[in-house]
Amino acid sequence: MKKKILVTGGCGYIGSHTIIELIQSGRYEVVSVDSNVRSTPETMDRVEKITGVKVKNYRVDICNGPAFFKIFEEHPDIQGVIHFAAFKAVGESIEEPLMYYRNNLGALANVLEACRHFNIKALIFSSSCAVYGEVQTLPVSEQTPMGQAFCPYAHTKQIGEEMIRNMMVPNPDMNALILRYFNPVGAHMSGLNGELSPDKPNNLVPIIMRVASGKQPSMTVFGDDYDTRDGSCIRDYLHVSDIADAHVKALDYLLEHRNEQQCEVFNLGSGNGVSVLEMLAAAEQVTGRKLHYVIGGRRAGDIPAIYGDSSRANTLLHWHCHYDVHDMMESAWKWEQYLDSKNI
């Protein structure tokens, strides 16, 4: 019998791809909640086209506790929650810190309260490598201490992790996995689902694709004077479907009672850093188009380089990356062409 899972932020980029992987695993039934403030309801149509399964999305703000809790009342058989729903733009969090604290922490508080009240024993929390701050030793492992948060978004993830740990103490039946992942990019390999925001994109690959497709004339590389091999920032890019697959394996891990502690942390990274300029070169190779860009100043909140050690996830979750940078760009380009065909 399939186990029912609630995915918060299910219409979002990572949330929707995770729903696809959950359904295609054959082990899980999915309910989604997403206010669509930073996503579009049409995402569920694309999920259905890929999977053949229609997923119910509740258009509810998780910060509204009573409305959120009604979902659990309607679905008393929910066995686990994957919590994605959060604001995540670094620059915006610096400009609007209170909005980030209210939304990200308020939503998590309600998720934790729901887990306690409705006896949900498995929680997967979408965290970030941003919790490590500017690190001195690479690659980053789970034992790397948290550094000072370089933006309010990162700080909400640090606080969120601590909220979960504290919640475990008086609730011995509750279990949680914190997944700290690096930079999700790309789209579903079908080209039918990818990163889409009603607002102007602020992540690297969607911007690259907008330039490649002619939607914008050029883009800015923020800084070429970092202490890296080509002067641009280095990040650990992961295909979004690999990230999504990790959430399915994390659920398996908790629901099969393989965890040794109530709250465990896993990094999700490739172990290899790729620079912004190298990403541009990969995109040019895939699209066959010359990308126009200018070098700008450093962006507030950016750190020079970070990439992760995922050996713990490889061993315990049996998770491995299946897609490389070429796949990331190829799928993103397919998605961009799909958007063009639909005039989106």
C-alpha atoms as a PDB file:
ATOM      1  CA  MET A   1       0.000   0.000   0.000  1.00  0.00           C
ATOM      2  CA  LYS A   2       1.325   3.422  -0.947  1.00  0.00           C
ATOM      3  CA  LYS A   3       2.251   5.807   1.845  1.00  0.00           C
ATOM      4  CA  LYS A   4       0.753   9.293   1.743  1.00  0.00           C
ATOM      5  CA  ILE A   5       3.202  12.210   1.876  1.00  0.00           C
ATOM      6  CA  LEU A   6       2.517  15.937   2.164  1.00  0.00           C
ATOM      7  CA  VAL A   7       4.898  18.145   0.164  1.00  0.00           C
ATOM      8  CA  THR A   8       4.938  21.822   1.098  1.00  0.00           C
ATOM      9  CA  GLY A   9       5.899  24.140  -1.741  1.00  0.00           C
ATOM     10  CA  GLY A  10       4.869  21.380  -4.133  1.00  0.00           C
ATOM     11  CA  CYS A  11       4.391  23.728  -7.085  1.00  0.00           C
ATOM     12  CA  GLY A  12       7.909  25.081  -6.663  1.00  0.00           C
ATOM     13  CA  TYR A  13      11.023  24.105  -8.552  1.00  0.00           C
ATOM     14  CA  ILE A  14      12.429  21.377  -6.304  1.00  0.00           C
ATOM     15  CA  GLY A  15       9.071  20.487  -4.807  1.00  0.00           C
ATOM     16  CA  SER A  16       7.475  19.645  -8.155  1.00  0.00           C
ATOM     17  CA  HIS A  17      10.420  17.526  -9.276  1.00  0.00           C
ATOM     18  CA  THR A  18      10.335  15.697  -5.953  1.00  0.00           C
ATOM     19  CA  ILE A  19       6.632  14.972  -6.429  1.00  0.00           C
ATOM     20  CA  ILE A  20       7.472  13.471  -9.825  1.00  0.00           C
ATOM     21  CA  GLU A  21      10.122  11.206  -8.279  1.00  0.00           C
ATOM     22  CA  LEU A  22       7.833  10.223  -5.397  1.00  0.00           C
ATOM     23  CA  ILE A  23       5.078   9.181  -7.795  1.00  0.00           C
ATOM     24  CA  GLN A  24       7.416   7.370 -10.169  1.00  0.00           C
ATOM     25  CA  SER A  25       8.935   5.410  -7.287  1.00  0.00           C
ATOM     26  CA  GLY A  26       5.587   3.624  -7.024  1.00  0.00           C
ATOM     27  CA  ARG A  27       5.766   3.744  -3.224  1.00  0.00           C
ATOM     28  CA  TYR A  28       4.147   7.073  -2.422  1.00  0.00           C
ATOM     29  CA  GLU A  29       0.899   8.989  -2.840  1.00  0.00           C
ATOM     30  CA  VAL A  30       1.329  12.753  -2.732  1.00  0.00           C
ATOM     31  CA  VAL A  31      -0.656  15.726  -1.471  1.00  0.00           C
ATOM     32  CA  SER A  32       0.729  19.212  -2.116  1.00  0.00           C
ATOM     33  CA  VAL A  33       0.314  22.565  -0.407  1.00  0.00           C
ATOM     34  CA  ASP A  34       1.539  25.732  -2.110  1.00  0.00           C
ATOM     35  CA  SER A  35       0.184  29.271  -1.895  1.00  0.00           C
ATOM     36  CA  ASN A  36       1.520  29.986  -5.423  1.00  0.00           C
ATOM     37  CA  VAL A  37       2.997  33.277  -4.221  1.00  0.00           C
ATOM     38  CA  ARG A  38       6.316  32.232  -5.814  1.00  0.00           C
ATOM     39  CA  SER A  39       5.010  29.511  -8.143  1.00  0.00           C
ATOM     40  CA  THR A  40       2.215  28.813 -10.595  1.00  0.00           C
ATOM     41  CA  PRO A  41      -0.720  26.386 -10.215  1.00  0.00           C
ATOM     42  CA  GLU A  42      -0.126  25.143 -13.782  1.00  0.00           C
ATOM     43  CA  THR A  43       2.900  23.266 -12.454  1.00  0.00           C
ATOM     44  CA  MET A  44       0.567  20.473 -11.365  1.00  0.00           C
ATOM     45  CA  ASP A  45      -0.657  20.105 -14.953  1.00  0.00           C
ATOM     46  CA  ARG A  46       2.937  19.485 -16.033  1.00  0.00           C
ATOM     47  CA  VAL A  47       3.456  16.981 -13.215  1.00  0.00           C
ATOM     48  CA  GLU A  48       0.342  15.124 -14.390  1.00  0.00           C
ATOM     49  CA  LYS A  49       1.583  15.148 -17.995  1.00  0.00           C
ATOM     50  CA  ILE A  50       4.873  13.540 -16.920  1.00  0.00           C
ATOM     51  CA  THR A  51       3.514  11.047 -14.382  1.00  0.00           C
ATOM     52  CA  GLY A  52      -0.050  10.421 -15.498  1.00  0.00           C
ATOM     53  CA  VAL A  53      -1.168  11.174 -11.939  1.00  0.00           C
ATOM     54  CA  LYS A  54      -3.241  14.175 -10.889  1.00  0.00           C
ATOM     55  CA  VAL A  55      -1.937  15.649  -7.625  1.00  0.00           C
ATOM     56  CA  LYS A  56      -4.171  17.706  -5.372  1.00  0.00           C
ATOM     57  CA  ASN A  57      -2.627  21.050  -4.404  1.00  0.00           C
ATOM     58  CA  TYR A  58      -4.067  23.097  -1.568  1.00  0.00           C
ATOM     59  CA  ARG A  59      -3.583  26.785  -2.282  1.00  0.00           C
ATOM     60  CA  VAL A  60      -2.892  27.641   1.331  1.00  0.00           C
ATOM     61  CA  ASP A  61      -0.341  29.853   3.076  1.00  0.00           C
ATOM     62  CA  ILE A  62       1.411  27.587   5.577  1.00  0.00           C
ATOM     63  CA  CYS A  63       1.875  30.576   7.887  1.00  0.00           C
ATOM     64  CA  ASN A  64      -1.914  30.440   8.331  1.00  0.00           C
ATOM     65  CA  GLY A  65      -1.950  27.671  10.922  1.00  0.00           C
ATOM     66  CA  PRO A  66      -5.694  26.845  11.033  1.00  0.00           C
ATOM     67  CA  ALA A  67      -5.961  26.640   7.222  1.00  0.00           C
ATOM     68  CA  PHE A  68      -2.809  24.509   7.044  1.00  0.00           C
ATOM     69  CA  PHE A  69      -3.953  22.128   9.787  1.00  0.00           C
ATOM     70  CA  LYS A  70      -7.229  21.464   7.916  1.00  0.00           C
ATOM     71  CA  ILE A  71      -5.199  19.596   5.273  1.00  0.00           C
ATOM     72  CA  PHE A  72      -4.120  17.074   7.912  1.00  0.00           C
ATOM     73  CA  GLU A  73      -7.707  16.765   9.117  1.00  0.00           C
ATOM     74  CA  GLU A  74      -8.775  15.918   5.564  1.00  0.00           C
ATOM     75  CA  HIS A  75      -5.886  13.455   5.184  1.00  0.00           C
ATOM     76  CA  PRO A  76      -5.455  11.659   8.527  1.00  0.00           C
ATOM     77  CA  ASP A  77      -3.328   9.010   6.801  1.00  0.00           C
ATOM     78  CA  ILE A  78      -0.411  11.360   6.015  1.00  0.00           C
ATOM     79  CA  GLN A  79       2.742   9.567   7.178  1.00  0.00           C
ATOM     80  CA  GLY A  80       5.456  12.072   6.308  1.00  0.00           C
ATOM     81  CA  VAL A  81       6.087  15.695   5.389  1.00  0.00           C
ATOM     82  CA  ILE A  82       8.705  17.100   3.027  1.00  0.00           C
ATOM     83  CA  HIS A  83       9.041  20.800   3.788  1.00  0.00           C
ATOM     84  CA  PHE A  84      10.263  22.986   0.938  1.00  0.00           C
ATOM     85  CA  ALA A  85       8.077  26.077   1.203  1.00  0.00           C
ATOM     86  CA  ALA A  86      10.332  29.071   1.873  1.00  0.00           C
ATOM     87  CA  PHE A  87      11.574  32.262   0.284  1.00  0.00           C
ATOM     88  CA  LYS A  88      15.120  31.718  -1.013  1.00  0.00           C
ATOM     89  CA  ALA A  89      16.536  34.748  -2.849  1.00  0.00           C
ATOM     90  CA  VAL A  90      19.791  35.868  -1.214  1.00  0.00           C
ATOM     91  CA  GLY A  91      19.605  39.477  -2.392  1.00  0.00           C
ATOM     92  CA  GLU A  92      15.946  39.879  -1.499  1.00  0.00           C
ATOM     93  CA  SER A  93      16.580  38.509   1.980  1.00  0.00           C
ATOM     94  CA  ILE A  94      19.188  41.223   2.543  1.00  0.00           C
ATOM     95  CA  GLU A  95      16.737  43.891   1.399  1.00  0.00           C
ATOM     96  CA  GLU A  96      13.695  42.427   3.206  1.00  0.00           C
ATOM     97  CA  PRO A  97      15.012  40.478   6.218  1.00  0.00           C
ATOM     98  CA  LEU A  98      11.833  40.585   8.304  1.00  0.00           C
ATOM     99  CA  MET A  99       9.810  39.138   5.447  1.00  0.00           C
ATOM    100  CA  TYR A 100      12.202  36.167   5.378  1.00  0.00           C
ATOM    101  CA  TYR A 101      12.142  35.586   9.123  1.00  0.00           C
ATOM    102  CA  ARG A 102       8.339  35.810   9.267  1.00  0.00           C
ATOM    103  CA  ASN A 103       7.726  33.555   6.298  1.00  0.00           C
ATOM    104  CA  ASN A 104      10.439  30.917   6.582  1.00  0.00           C
ATOM    105  CA  LEU A 105      10.388  30.471  10.341  1.00  0.00           C
ATOM    106  CA  GLY A 106       6.648  30.965  10.765  1.00  0.00           C
ATOM    107  CA  ALA A 107       5.955  28.296   8.157  1.00  0.00           C
ATOM    108  CA  LEU A 108       8.371  25.837   9.760  1.00  0.00           C
ATOM    109  CA  ALA A 109       6.861  26.446  13.202  1.00  0.00           C
ATOM    110  CA  ASN A 110       3.455  25.462  11.828  1.00  0.00           C
ATOM    111  CA  VAL A 111       4.893  22.389  10.092  1.00  0.00           C
ATOM    112  CA  LEU A 112       6.445  21.246  13.369  1.00  0.00           C
ATOM    113  CA  GLU A 113       3.237  21.938  15.272  1.00  0.00           C
ATOM    114  CA  ALA A 114       1.269  19.912  12.702  1.00  0.00           C
ATOM    115  CA  CYS A 115       3.727  17.021  12.953  1.00  0.00           C
ATOM    116  CA  ARG A 116       3.312  16.959  16.722  1.00  0.00           C
ATOM    117  CA  HIS A 117      -0.463  17.390  16.754  1.00  0.00           C
ATOM    118  CA  PHE A 118      -1.214  14.898  13.969  1.00  0.00           C
ATOM    119  CA  ASN A 119       1.441  12.356  15.014  1.00  0.00           C
ATOM    120  CA  ILE A 120       3.562  12.643  11.859  1.00  0.00           C
ATOM    121  CA  LYS A 121       6.731  10.684  12.529  1.00  0.00           C
ATOM    122  CA  ALA A 122       8.835  11.561   9.449  1.00  0.00           C
ATOM    123  CA  LEU A 123       9.923  15.069   8.439  1.00  0.00           C
ATOM    124  CA  ILE A 124      12.354  15.952   5.653  1.00  0.00           C
ATOM    125  CA  PHE A 125      13.622  19.540   5.849  1.00  0.00           C
ATOM    126  CA  SER A 126      14.966  21.373   2.837  1.00  0.00           C
ATOM    127  CA  SER A 127      18.058  23.142   4.145  1.00  0.00           C
ATOM    128  CA  SER A 128      21.037  24.583   2.309  1.00  0.00           C
ATOM    129  CA  CYS A 129      24.804  24.646   2.116  1.00  0.00           C
ATOM    130  CA  ALA A 130      24.356  28.321   2.974  1.00  0.00           C
ATOM    131  CA  VAL A 131      24.309  27.290   6.648  1.00  0.00           C
ATOM    132  CA  TYR A 132      28.086  26.732   6.485  1.00  0.00           C
ATOM    133  CA  GLY A 133      28.869  30.352   5.647  1.00  0.00           C
ATOM    134  CA  GLU A 134      32.296  31.078   4.196  1.00  0.00           C
ATOM    135  CA  VAL A 135      34.290  27.917   4.787  1.00  0.00           C
ATOM    136  CA  GLN A 136      38.054  27.573   4.938  1.00  0.00           C
ATOM    137  CA  THR A 137      38.339  23.891   4.010  1.00  0.00           C
ATOM    138  CA  LEU A 138      36.754  22.184   1.011  1.00  0.00           C
ATOM    139  CA  PRO A 139      34.880  19.992   0.353  1.00  0.00           C
ATOM    140  CA  VAL A 140      32.286  20.675   3.036  1.00  0.00           C
ATOM    141  CA  SER A 141      31.192  17.717   5.173  1.00  0.00           C
ATOM    142  CA  GLU A 142      28.408  17.402   7.736  1.00  0.00           C
ATOM    143  CA  GLN A 143      31.076  17.882  10.422  1.00  0.00           C
ATOM    144  CA  THR A 144      32.026  21.295   9.032  1.00  0.00           C
ATOM    145  CA  PRO A 145      30.874  23.803  11.658  1.00  0.00           C
ATOM    146  CA  MET A 146      28.296  26.402  10.769  1.00  0.00           C
ATOM    147  CA  GLY A 147      29.805  29.774  10.065  1.00  0.00           C
ATOM    148  CA  GLN A 148      28.285  33.213  10.333  1.00  0.00           C
ATOM    149  CA  ALA A 149      25.274  33.457   8.028  1.00  0.00           C
ATOM    150  CA  PHE A 150      26.066  35.709   5.086  1.00  0.00           C
ATOM    151  CA  CYS A 151      22.430  36.707   4.538  1.00  0.00           C
ATOM    152  CA  PRO A 152      19.073  36.473   6.343  1.00  0.00           C
ATOM    153  CA  TYR A 153      17.990  33.587   4.068  1.00  0.00           C
ATOM    154  CA  ALA A 154      20.941  31.513   5.288  1.00  0.00           C
ATOM    155  CA  HIS A 155      20.213  32.533   8.863  1.00  0.00           C
ATOM    156  CA  THR A 156      16.617  31.259   8.581  1.00  0.00           C
ATOM    157  CA  LYS A 157      17.994  27.865   7.545  1.00  0.00           C
ATOM    158  CA  GLN A 158      20.372  27.822  10.521  1.00  0.00           C
ATOM    159  CA  ILE A 159      17.567  28.744  12.913  1.00  0.00           C
ATOM    160  CA  GLY A 160      15.226  26.284  11.198  1.00  0.00           C
ATOM    161  CA  GLU A 161      17.616  23.399  11.757  1.00  0.00           C
ATOM    162  CA  GLU A 162      17.908  24.324  15.430  1.00  0.00           C
ATOM    163  CA  MET A 163      14.113  24.529  15.749  1.00  0.00           C
ATOM    164  CA  ILE A 164      13.844  20.966  14.429  1.00  0.00           C
ATOM    165  CA  ARG A 165      16.520  19.638  16.790  1.00  0.00           C
ATOM    166  CA  ASN A 166      14.846  21.296  19.771  1.00  0.00           C
ATOM    167  CA  MET A 167      11.490  19.876  18.724  1.00  0.00           C
ATOM    168  CA  MET A 168      12.879  16.342  18.812  1.00  0.00           C
ATOM    169  CA  VAL A 169      13.666  16.510  22.534  1.00  0.00           C
ATOM    170  CA  PRO A 170      10.091  16.493  23.908  1.00  0.00           C
ATOM    171  CA  ASN A 171       8.776  14.391  20.992  1.00  0.00           C
ATOM    172  CA  PRO A 172      10.661  11.058  21.013  1.00  0.00           C
ATOM    173  CA  ASP A 173       8.439   9.522  18.305  1.00  0.00           C
ATOM    174  CA  MET A 174       9.252  12.255  15.779  1.00  0.00           C
ATOM    175  CA  ASN A 175      12.142  11.796  13.342  1.00  0.00           C
ATOM    176  CA  ALA A 176      13.687  14.275  10.931  1.00  0.00           C
ATOM    177  CA  LEU A 177      16.282  14.409   8.186  1.00  0.00           C
ATOM    178  CA  ILE A 178      17.908  17.710   7.311  1.00  0.00           C
ATOM    179  CA  LEU A 179      19.141  17.803   3.724  1.00  0.00           C
ATOM    180  CA  ARG A 180      21.737  20.493   3.098  1.00  0.00           C
ATOM    181  CA  TYR A 181      22.033  20.761  -0.610  1.00  0.00           C
ATOM    182  CA  PHE A 182      24.087  22.821  -2.894  1.00  0.00           C
ATOM    183  CA  ASN A 183      22.893  24.448  -6.147  1.00  0.00           C
ATOM    184  CA  PRO A 184      19.982  22.700  -7.907  1.00  0.00           C
ATOM    185  CA  VAL A 185      19.867  23.430 -11.643  1.00  0.00           C
ATOM    186  CA  GLY A 186      18.433  22.001 -14.837  1.00  0.00           C
ATOM    187  CA  ALA A 187      14.974  20.637 -15.569  1.00  0.00           C
ATOM    188  CA  HIS A 188      13.202  17.322 -15.942  1.00  0.00           C
ATOM    189  CA  MET A 189      14.919  15.454 -18.770  1.00  0.00           C
ATOM    190  CA  SER A 190      11.620  15.424 -20.696  1.00  0.00           C
ATOM    191  CA  GLY A 191      11.866  19.203 -20.901  1.00  0.00           C
ATOM    192  CA  LEU A 192       8.301  19.472 -19.574  1.00  0.00           C
ATOM    193  CA  ASN A 193       9.045  20.862 -16.104  1.00  0.00           C
ATOM    194  CA  GLY A 194      11.679  23.218 -14.801  1.00  0.00           C
ATOM    195  CA  GLU A 195      12.409  26.359 -12.858  1.00  0.00           C
ATOM    196  CA  LEU A 196       9.737  29.011 -13.290  1.00  0.00           C
ATOM    197  CA  SER A 197       8.869  32.035 -11.212  1.00  0.00           C
ATOM    198  CA  PRO A 198       6.216  34.696 -11.801  1.00  0.00           C
ATOM    199  CA  ASP A 199       8.958  37.202 -10.985  1.00  0.00           C
ATOM    200  CA  LYS A 200      12.172  37.939 -12.837  1.00  0.00           C
ATOM    201  CA  PRO A 201      14.551  34.952 -12.388  1.00  0.00           C
ATOM    202  CA  ASN A 202      17.477  35.496 -10.038  1.00  0.00           C
ATOM    203  CA  ASN A 203      19.220  32.114 -10.362  1.00  0.00           C
ATOM    204  CA  LEU A 204      22.118  31.539 -12.721  1.00  0.00           C
ATOM    205  CA  VAL A 205      20.860  28.893 -15.150  1.00  0.00           C
ATOM    206  CA  PRO A 206      17.430  30.449 -15.896  1.00  0.00           C
ATOM    207  CA  ILE A 207      19.210  33.726 -16.580  1.00  0.00           C
ATOM    208  CA  ILE A 208      21.686  31.975 -18.874  1.00  0.00           C
ATOM    209  CA  MET A 209      18.789  30.403 -20.778  1.00  0.00           C
ATOM    210  CA  ARG A 210      17.004  33.729 -21.140  1.00  0.00           C
ATOM    211  CA  VAL A 211      20.125  35.153 -22.745  1.00  0.00           C
ATOM    212  CA  ALA A 212      20.551  32.095 -24.977  1.00  0.00           C
ATOM    213  CA  SER A 213      16.942  32.359 -26.165  1.00  0.00           C
ATOM    214  CA  GLY A 214      17.179  36.100 -26.781  1.00  0.00           C
ATOM    215  CA  LYS A 215      14.729  37.088 -24.047  1.00  0.00           C
ATOM    216  CA  GLN A 216      17.365  39.387 -22.611  1.00  0.00           C
ATOM    217  CA  PRO A 217      20.388  40.791 -24.435  1.00  0.00           C
ATOM    218  CA  SER A 218      23.074  39.992 -21.870  1.00  0.00           C
ATOM    219  CA  MET A 219      23.754  39.037 -18.268  1.00  0.00           C
ATOM    220  CA  THR A 220      26.114  40.036 -15.495  1.00  0.00           C
ATOM    221  CA  VAL A 221      28.795  37.841 -13.955  1.00  0.00           C
ATOM    222  CA  PHE A 222      29.133  39.159 -10.430  1.00  0.00           C
ATOM    223  CA  GLY A 223      32.867  39.405  -9.836  1.00  0.00           C
ATOM    224  CA  ASP A 224      35.909  38.031 -11.649  1.00  0.00           C
ATOM    225  CA  ASP A 225      38.425  38.794  -8.905  1.00  0.00           C
ATOM    226  CA  TYR A 226      37.680  35.995  -6.441  1.00  0.00           C
ATOM    227  CA  ASP A 227      40.480  33.665  -5.369  1.00  0.00           C
ATOM    228  CA  THR A 228      39.305  30.914  -7.734  1.00  0.00           C
ATOM    229  CA  ARG A 229      40.767  29.360 -10.892  1.00  0.00           C
ATOM    230  CA  ASP A 230      39.085  31.871 -13.231  1.00  0.00           C
ATOM    231  CA  GLY A 231      38.087  34.614 -10.783  1.00  0.00           C
ATOM    232  CA  SER A 232      34.355  33.814 -10.788  1.00  0.00           C
ATOM    233  CA  CYS A 233      32.424  32.163  -7.954  1.00  0.00           C
ATOM    234  CA  ILE A 234      32.548  28.370  -7.713  1.00  0.00           C
ATOM    235  CA  ARG A 235      29.465  26.406  -6.710  1.00  0.00           C
ATOM    236  CA  ASP A 236      28.466  22.762  -6.528  1.00  0.00           C
ATOM    237  CA  TYR A 237      25.732  22.393  -9.141  1.00  0.00           C
ATOM    238  CA  LEU A 238      23.354  19.415  -8.959  1.00  0.00           C
ATOM    239  CA  HIS A 239      20.663  18.335 -11.376  1.00  0.00           C
ATOM    240  CA  VAL A 240      17.263  18.991  -9.817  1.00  0.00           C
ATOM    241  CA  SER A 241      16.119  15.405 -10.474  1.00  0.00           C
ATOM    242  CA  ASP A 242      19.123  14.120  -8.493  1.00  0.00           C
ATOM    243  CA  ILE A 243      18.086  16.383  -5.616  1.00  0.00           C
ATOM    244  CA  ALA A 244      14.500  15.145  -5.921  1.00  0.00           C
ATOM    245  CA  ASP A 245      15.647  11.523  -5.896  1.00  0.00           C
ATOM    246  CA  ALA A 246      17.524  12.184  -2.652  1.00  0.00           C
ATOM    247  CA  HIS A 247      14.266  13.210  -0.955  1.00  0.00           C
ATOM    248  CA  VAL A 248      12.637   9.912  -1.951  1.00  0.00           C
ATOM    249  CA  LYS A 249      15.590   7.993  -0.563  1.00  0.00           C
ATOM    250  CA  ALA A 250      15.515  10.126   2.598  1.00  0.00           C
ATOM    251  CA  LEU A 251      11.861   9.199   3.126  1.00  0.00           C
ATOM    252  CA  ASP A 252      12.674   5.528   2.605  1.00  0.00           C
ATOM    253  CA  TYR A 253      15.440   5.857   5.186  1.00  0.00           C
ATOM    254  CA  LEU A 254      13.121   7.301   7.844  1.00  0.00           C
ATOM    255  CA  LEU A 255      10.024   5.224   7.144  1.00  0.00           C
ATOM    256  CA  GLU A 256      12.098   2.021   7.099  1.00  0.00           C
ATOM    257  CA  HIS A 257      13.518   3.062  10.515  1.00  0.00           C
ATOM    258  CA  ARG A 258      17.128   2.960   9.324  1.00  0.00           C
ATOM    259  CA  ASN A 259      18.032   6.196  11.111  1.00  0.00           C
ATOM    260  CA  GLU A 260      20.165   5.871  14.224  1.00  0.00           C
ATOM    261  CA  GLN A 261      19.258   9.267  15.648  1.00  0.00           C
ATOM    262  CA  GLN A 262      16.041  11.272  15.768  1.00  0.00           C
ATOM    263  CA  CYS A 263      17.530  14.080  13.714  1.00  0.00           C
ATOM    264  CA  GLU A 264      20.251  13.455  11.142  1.00  0.00           C
ATOM    265  CA  VAL A 265      21.977  15.711   8.627  1.00  0.00           C
ATOM    266  CA  PHE A 266      23.035  14.872   5.070  1.00  0.00           C
ATOM    267  CA  ASN A 267      24.889  16.945   2.516  1.00  0.00           C
ATOM    268  CA  LEU A 268      23.766  16.630  -1.089  1.00  0.00           C
ATOM    269  CA  GLY A 269      26.543  17.659  -3.438  1.00  0.00           C
ATOM    270  CA  SER A 270      28.561  16.362  -6.336  1.00  0.00           C
ATOM    271  CA  GLY A 271      31.902  16.981  -4.658  1.00  0.00           C
ATOM    272  CA  ASN A 272      32.984  19.080  -7.629  1.00  0.00           C
ATOM    273  CA  GLY A 273      32.899  22.827  -7.937  1.00  0.00           C
ATOM    274  CA  VAL A 274      32.056  24.527 -11.232  1.00  0.00           C
ATOM    275  CA  SER A 275      32.662  28.233 -11.791  1.00  0.00           C
ATOM    276  CA  VAL A 276      30.154  30.674 -13.240  1.00  0.00           C
ATOM    277  CA  LEU A 277      32.325  31.131 -16.330  1.00  0.00           C
ATOM    278  CA  GLU A 278      32.560  27.361 -16.768  1.00  0.00           C
ATOM    279  CA  MET A 279      28.775  27.121 -16.588  1.00  0.00           C
ATOM    280  CA  LEU A 280      28.542  29.741 -19.321  1.00  0.00           C
ATOM    281  CA  ALA A 281      30.923  27.733 -21.491  1.00  0.00           C
ATOM    282  CA  ALA A 282      28.856  24.562 -20.986  1.00  0.00           C
ATOM    283  CA  ALA A 283      25.705  26.429 -21.949  1.00  0.00           C
ATOM    284  CA  GLU A 284      27.323  27.736 -25.125  1.00  0.00           C
ATOM    285  CA  GLN A 285      28.331  24.197 -26.063  1.00  0.00           C
ATOM    286  CA  VAL A 286      24.807  22.802 -25.535  1.00  0.00           C
ATOM    287  CA  THR A 287      22.863  25.654 -27.144  1.00  0.00           C
ATOM    288  CA  GLY A 288      25.354  26.377 -29.906  1.00  0.00           C
ATOM    289  CA  ARG A 289      24.909  30.086 -29.183  1.00  0.00           C
ATOM    290  CA  LYS A 290      27.322  32.751 -28.047  1.00  0.00           C
ATOM    291  CA  LEU A 291      26.242  34.184 -24.705  1.00  0.00           C
ATOM    292  CA  HIS A 292      26.741  37.870 -24.122  1.00  0.00           C
ATOM    293  CA  TYR A 293      27.724  38.870 -20.619  1.00  0.00           C
ATOM    294  CA  VAL A 294      29.462  41.664 -18.744  1.00  0.00           C
ATOM    295  CA  ILE A 295      31.650  41.469 -15.656  1.00  0.00           C
ATOM    296  CA  GLY A 296      30.147  43.334 -12.733  1.00  0.00           C
ATOM    297  CA  GLY A 297      31.155  43.921  -9.156  1.00  0.00           C
ATOM    298  CA  ARG A 298      30.820  41.366  -6.409  1.00  0.00           C
ATOM    299  CA  ARG A 299      27.284  40.747  -5.192  1.00  0.00           C
ATOM    300  CA  ALA A 300      26.440  41.217  -1.517  1.00  0.00           C
ATOM    301  CA  GLY A 301      26.130  37.872   0.275  1.00  0.00           C
ATOM    302  CA  ASP A 302      28.177  35.830  -2.207  1.00  0.00           C
ATOM    303  CA  ILE A 303      31.116  33.720  -1.058  1.00  0.00           C
ATOM    304  CA  PRO A 304      34.044  32.721  -3.333  1.00  0.00           C
ATOM    305  CA  ALA A 305      33.637  28.938  -3.412  1.00  0.00           C
ATOM    306  CA  ILE A 306      31.756  26.068  -1.837  1.00  0.00           C
ATOM    307  CA  TYR A 307      31.185  22.438  -2.768  1.00  0.00           C
ATOM    308  CA  GLY A 308      30.262  19.408  -0.751  1.00  0.00           C
ATOM    309  CA  ASP A 309      31.227  15.937   0.370  1.00  0.00           C
ATOM    310  CA  SER A 310      28.199  13.653  -0.017  1.00  0.00           C
ATOM    311  CA  SER A 311      29.830  10.390   1.010  1.00  0.00           C
ATOM    312  CA  ARG A 312      27.477  10.057   3.998  1.00  0.00           C
ATOM    313  CA  ALA A 313      24.409  10.262   1.704  1.00  0.00           C
ATOM    314  CA  ASN A 314      26.090   7.890  -0.754  1.00  0.00           C
ATOM    315  CA  THR A 315      26.609   5.290   1.981  1.00  0.00           C
ATOM    316  CA  LEU A 316      23.490   5.563   4.135  1.00  0.00           C
ATOM    317  CA  LEU A 317      20.838   6.801   1.697  1.00  0.00           C
ATOM    318  CA  HIS A 318      22.276   4.903  -1.280  1.00  0.00           C
ATOM    319  CA  TRP A 319      22.066   8.174  -3.216  1.00  0.00           C
ATOM    320  CA  HIS A 320      24.350   9.149  -6.081  1.00  0.00           C
ATOM    321  CA  CYS A 321      24.308  11.828  -8.773  1.00  0.00           C
ATOM    322  CA  HIS A 322      23.261  10.530 -12.178  1.00  0.00           C
ATOM    323  CA  TYR A 323      23.444  13.740 -14.217  1.00  0.00           C
ATOM    324  CA  ASP A 324      26.431  15.910 -15.171  1.00  0.00           C
ATOM    325  CA  VAL A 325      26.803  19.562 -16.198  1.00  0.00           C
ATOM    326  CA  HIS A 326      26.000  18.749 -19.830  1.00  0.00           C
ATOM    327  CA  ASP A 327      22.727  17.086 -18.723  1.00  0.00           C
ATOM    328  CA  MET A 328      21.915  20.093 -16.559  1.00  0.00           C
ATOM    329  CA  MET A 329      22.303  22.497 -19.471  1.00  0.00           C
ATOM    330  CA  GLU A 330      20.647  20.207 -22.011  1.00  0.00           C
ATOM    331  CA  SER A 331      17.542  19.763 -19.842  1.00  0.00           C
ATOM    332  CA  ALA A 332      17.423  23.484 -19.010  1.00  0.00           C
ATOM    333  CA  TRP A 333      17.612  24.311 -22.722  1.00  0.00           C
ATOM    334  CA  LYS A 334      14.783  21.857 -23.506  1.00  0.00           C
ATOM    335  CA  TRP A 335      12.721  23.545 -20.791  1.00  0.00           C
ATOM    336  CA  GLU A 336      13.476  27.003 -22.194  1.00  0.00           C
ATOM    337  CA  GLN A 337      12.344  25.865 -25.630  1.00  0.00           C
ATOM    338  CA  TYR A 338       9.177  24.410 -24.104  1.00  0.00           C
ATOM    339  CA  LEU A 339       8.461  27.776 -22.465  1.00  0.00           C
ATOM    340  CA  ASP A 340       8.975  29.508 -25.817  1.00  0.00           C
ATOM    341  CA  SER A 341       6.585  27.075 -27.538  1.00  0.00           C
ATOM    342  CA  LYS A 342       3.916  27.887 -24.942  1.00  0.00           C
ATOM    343  CA  ASN A 343       4.647  31.655 -24.971  1.00  0.00           C
ATOM    344  CA  ILE A 344       5.407  31.541 -21.260  1.00  0.00           C
END
